[in-house]
Amino acid sequence: MKALADAYADPNDKIGKAAVVDIGPVKNLARPVTLEEIKADPSFKDFPLVRISRLAVMPVSEAEWDGIEERLSRARPSAWPAVPIGRAGSLARSRACSSPETPA
């Protein structure tokens, strides 16, 4: 994922302290990588997505992203639902955006 524009004030924050960043994908993955796949891999034991269940956007290190991309070469077990995961970088908060290149 990449930031599509600079951060701006969150229109839903009545206090005026929060900011939002519109994000979009850099490229499409060959297939979704499921949360179950990530949780089943011991190398992701410290990954925030595994440790903190209510994350929407989180930092992803280069090593973690490489591990996610490596899983794309493995067949996904058909019993697991697809939960797409995209790289968002170190964004504290995001808002869904739509454009011709980025479906909402």
C-alpha atoms as a PDB file:
ATOM      1  CA  MET A   1       0.000   0.000   0.000  1.00  0.00           C
ATOM      2  CA  LYS A   2       1.056   3.555  -0.495  1.00  0.00           C
ATOM      3  CA  ALA A   3      -0.190   6.909   0.681  1.00  0.00           C
ATOM      4  CA  LEU A   4      -2.148   8.573  -2.119  1.00  0.00           C
ATOM      5  CA  ALA A   5      -1.895  12.046  -0.601  1.00  0.00           C
ATOM      6  CA  ASP A   6      -0.682  13.844   2.499  1.00  0.00           C
ATOM      7  CA  ALA A   7      -2.445  13.279   5.819  1.00  0.00           C
ATOM      8  CA  TYR A   8      -5.368  15.557   6.617  1.00  0.00           C
ATOM      9  CA  ALA A   9      -7.696  16.202   9.551  1.00  0.00           C
ATOM     10  CA  ASP A  10     -10.155  13.391  10.222  1.00  0.00           C
ATOM     11  CA  PRO A  11     -13.599  14.810   9.368  1.00  0.00           C
ATOM     12  CA  ASN A  12     -15.178  12.455  11.949  1.00  0.00           C
ATOM     13  CA  ASP A  13     -12.950  13.624  14.827  1.00  0.00           C
ATOM     14  CA  LYS A  14     -14.874  16.279  16.744  1.00  0.00           C
ATOM     15  CA  ILE A  15     -11.839  17.054  18.928  1.00  0.00           C
ATOM     16  CA  GLY A  16      -9.583  17.704  15.948  1.00  0.00           C
ATOM     17  CA  LYS A  17      -6.596  15.609  17.028  1.00  0.00           C
ATOM     18  CA  ALA A  18      -6.807  12.666  14.605  1.00  0.00           C
ATOM     19  CA  ALA A  19      -5.585  12.590  11.030  1.00  0.00           C
ATOM     20  CA  VAL A  20      -6.361  10.253   8.144  1.00  0.00           C
ATOM     21  CA  VAL A  21      -4.372   9.093   5.155  1.00  0.00           C
ATOM     22  CA  ASP A  22      -5.921   7.772   1.954  1.00  0.00           C
ATOM     23  CA  ILE A  23      -4.079   4.642   0.860  1.00  0.00           C
ATOM     24  CA  GLY A  24      -4.076   2.471  -2.240  1.00  0.00           C
ATOM     25  CA  PRO A  25      -2.371  -0.715  -3.397  1.00  0.00           C
ATOM     26  CA  VAL A  26       1.039  -0.676  -5.063  1.00  0.00           C
ATOM     27  CA  LYS A  27       0.286  -3.942  -6.867  1.00  0.00           C
ATOM     28  CA  ASN A  28      -2.217  -6.774  -6.674  1.00  0.00           C
ATOM     29  CA  LEU A  29      -1.144  -9.977  -4.964  1.00  0.00           C
ATOM     30  CA  ALA A  30      -1.510 -13.246  -6.849  1.00  0.00           C
ATOM     31  CA  ARG A  31      -3.963 -14.416  -4.188  1.00  0.00           C
ATOM     32  CA  PRO A  32      -5.060 -13.309  -0.726  1.00  0.00           C
ATOM     33  CA  VAL A  33      -2.892 -14.472   2.172  1.00  0.00           C
ATOM     34  CA  THR A  34      -5.170 -15.604   4.968  1.00  0.00           C
ATOM     35  CA  LEU A  35      -4.891 -14.585   8.571  1.00  0.00           C
ATOM     36  CA  GLU A  36      -4.917 -18.292   9.419  1.00  0.00           C
ATOM     37  CA  GLU A  37      -1.826 -18.814   7.259  1.00  0.00           C
ATOM     38  CA  ILE A  38      -0.010 -16.037   9.076  1.00  0.00           C
ATOM     39  CA  LYS A  39      -1.092 -17.226  12.528  1.00  0.00           C
ATOM     40  CA  ALA A  40       0.030 -20.780  11.702  1.00  0.00           C
ATOM     41  CA  ASP A  41       3.589 -19.632  10.951  1.00  0.00           C
ATOM     42  CA  PRO A  42       5.784 -19.322  14.072  1.00  0.00           C
ATOM     43  CA  SER A  43       7.935 -16.653  12.398  1.00  0.00           C
ATOM     44  CA  PHE A  44       4.962 -14.265  12.719  1.00  0.00           C
ATOM     45  CA  LYS A  45       4.509 -14.734  16.478  1.00  0.00           C
ATOM     46  CA  ASP A  46       5.480 -11.083  17.129  1.00  0.00           C
ATOM     47  CA  PHE A  47       3.598  -9.682  14.119  1.00  0.00           C
ATOM     48  CA  PRO A  48       1.129  -7.044  15.432  1.00  0.00           C
ATOM     49  CA  LEU A  49      -1.722  -8.525  13.391  1.00  0.00           C
ATOM     50  CA  VAL A  50      -1.329 -11.795  15.316  1.00  0.00           C
ATOM     51  CA  ARG A  51      -0.862 -10.165  18.723  1.00  0.00           C
ATOM     52  CA  ILE A  52      -3.471  -7.358  18.492  1.00  0.00           C
ATOM     53  CA  SER A  53      -6.772  -8.550  17.070  1.00  0.00           C
ATOM     54  CA  ARG A  54      -8.452  -5.212  16.310  1.00  0.00           C
ATOM     55  CA  LEU A  55      -5.943  -3.611  13.953  1.00  0.00           C
ATOM     56  CA  ALA A  56      -7.074  -1.909  10.759  1.00  0.00           C
ATOM     57  CA  VAL A  57      -3.716  -0.498   9.637  1.00  0.00           C
ATOM     58  CA  MET A  58      -0.330  -1.380  11.070  1.00  0.00           C
ATOM     59  CA  PRO A  59       3.371  -1.207  10.345  1.00  0.00           C
ATOM     60  CA  VAL A  60       4.810  -4.127   8.365  1.00  0.00           C
ATOM     61  CA  SER A  61       8.581  -4.629   8.266  1.00  0.00           C
ATOM     62  CA  GLU A  62      10.403  -5.597   5.074  1.00  0.00           C
ATOM     63  CA  ALA A  63      11.084  -9.062   6.553  1.00  0.00           C
ATOM     64  CA  GLU A  64       7.419  -9.547   7.434  1.00  0.00           C
ATOM     65  CA  TRP A  65       6.304  -8.420   3.968  1.00  0.00           C
ATOM     66  CA  ASP A  66       8.845 -10.768   2.358  1.00  0.00           C
ATOM     67  CA  GLY A  67       7.348 -13.591   4.451  1.00  0.00           C
ATOM     68  CA  ILE A  68       3.842 -12.724   3.283  1.00  0.00           C
ATOM     69  CA  GLU A  69       4.938 -12.644  -0.343  1.00  0.00           C
ATOM     70  CA  GLU A  70       6.731 -15.991   0.121  1.00  0.00           C
ATOM     71  CA  ARG A  71       3.417 -17.536   1.200  1.00  0.00           C
ATOM     72  CA  LEU A  72       1.919 -16.589  -2.163  1.00  0.00           C
ATOM     73  CA  SER A  73       3.851 -19.471  -3.722  1.00  0.00           C
ATOM     74  CA  ARG A  74       2.101 -21.935  -1.420  1.00  0.00           C
ATOM     75  CA  ALA A  75      -1.344 -23.301  -2.139  1.00  0.00           C
ATOM     76  CA  ARG A  76      -3.995 -21.903   0.194  1.00  0.00           C
ATOM     77  CA  PRO A  77      -5.933 -24.572   2.087  1.00  0.00           C
ATOM     78  CA  SER A  78      -9.439 -24.509   0.577  1.00  0.00           C
ATOM     79  CA  ALA A  79     -11.100 -24.719   3.995  1.00  0.00           C
ATOM     80  CA  TRP A  80      -9.714 -21.301   4.980  1.00  0.00           C
ATOM     81  CA  PRO A  81     -11.581 -18.163   3.945  1.00  0.00           C
ATOM     82  CA  ALA A  82      -9.596 -15.561   2.034  1.00  0.00           C
ATOM     83  CA  VAL A  83      -8.715 -12.510   4.113  1.00  0.00           C
ATOM     84  CA  PRO A  84      -6.701 -10.091   1.979  1.00  0.00           C
ATOM     85  CA  ILE A  85      -3.785  -8.384   3.643  1.00  0.00           C
ATOM     86  CA  GLY A  86      -2.069  -5.385   2.133  1.00  0.00           C
ATOM     87  CA  ARG A  87       1.022  -3.525   3.179  1.00  0.00           C
ATOM     88  CA  ALA A  88       0.178  -0.186   4.719  1.00  0.00           C
ATOM     89  CA  GLY A  89       3.542   0.914   6.088  1.00  0.00           C
ATOM     90  CA  SER A  90       3.627   2.949   9.292  1.00  0.00           C
ATOM     91  CA  LEU A  91       0.266   4.656   8.944  1.00  0.00           C
ATOM     92  CA  ALA A  92      -1.457   5.239  12.235  1.00  0.00           C
ATOM     93  CA  ARG A  93      -4.914   5.454  10.713  1.00  0.00           C
ATOM     94  CA  SER A  94      -6.473   5.215   7.284  1.00  0.00           C
ATOM     95  CA  ARG A  95      -9.735   5.862   5.520  1.00  0.00           C
ATOM     96  CA  ALA A  96     -11.042   3.819   2.629  1.00  0.00           C
ATOM     97  CA  CYS A  97     -10.717   5.579  -0.678  1.00  0.00           C
ATOM     98  CA  SER A  98     -11.914   4.845  -4.144  1.00  0.00           C
ATOM     99  CA  SER A  99     -10.599   5.864  -7.500  1.00  0.00           C
ATOM    100  CA  PRO A 100     -10.600   4.209 -10.919  1.00  0.00           C
ATOM    101  CA  GLU A 101      -7.350   2.402  -9.990  1.00  0.00           C
ATOM    102  CA  THR A 102      -8.369   1.531  -6.444  1.00  0.00           C
ATOM    103  CA  PRO A 103     -11.819  -0.022  -5.959  1.00  0.00           C
ATOM    104  CA  ALA A 104     -13.340   0.634  -2.550  1.00  0.00           C
END
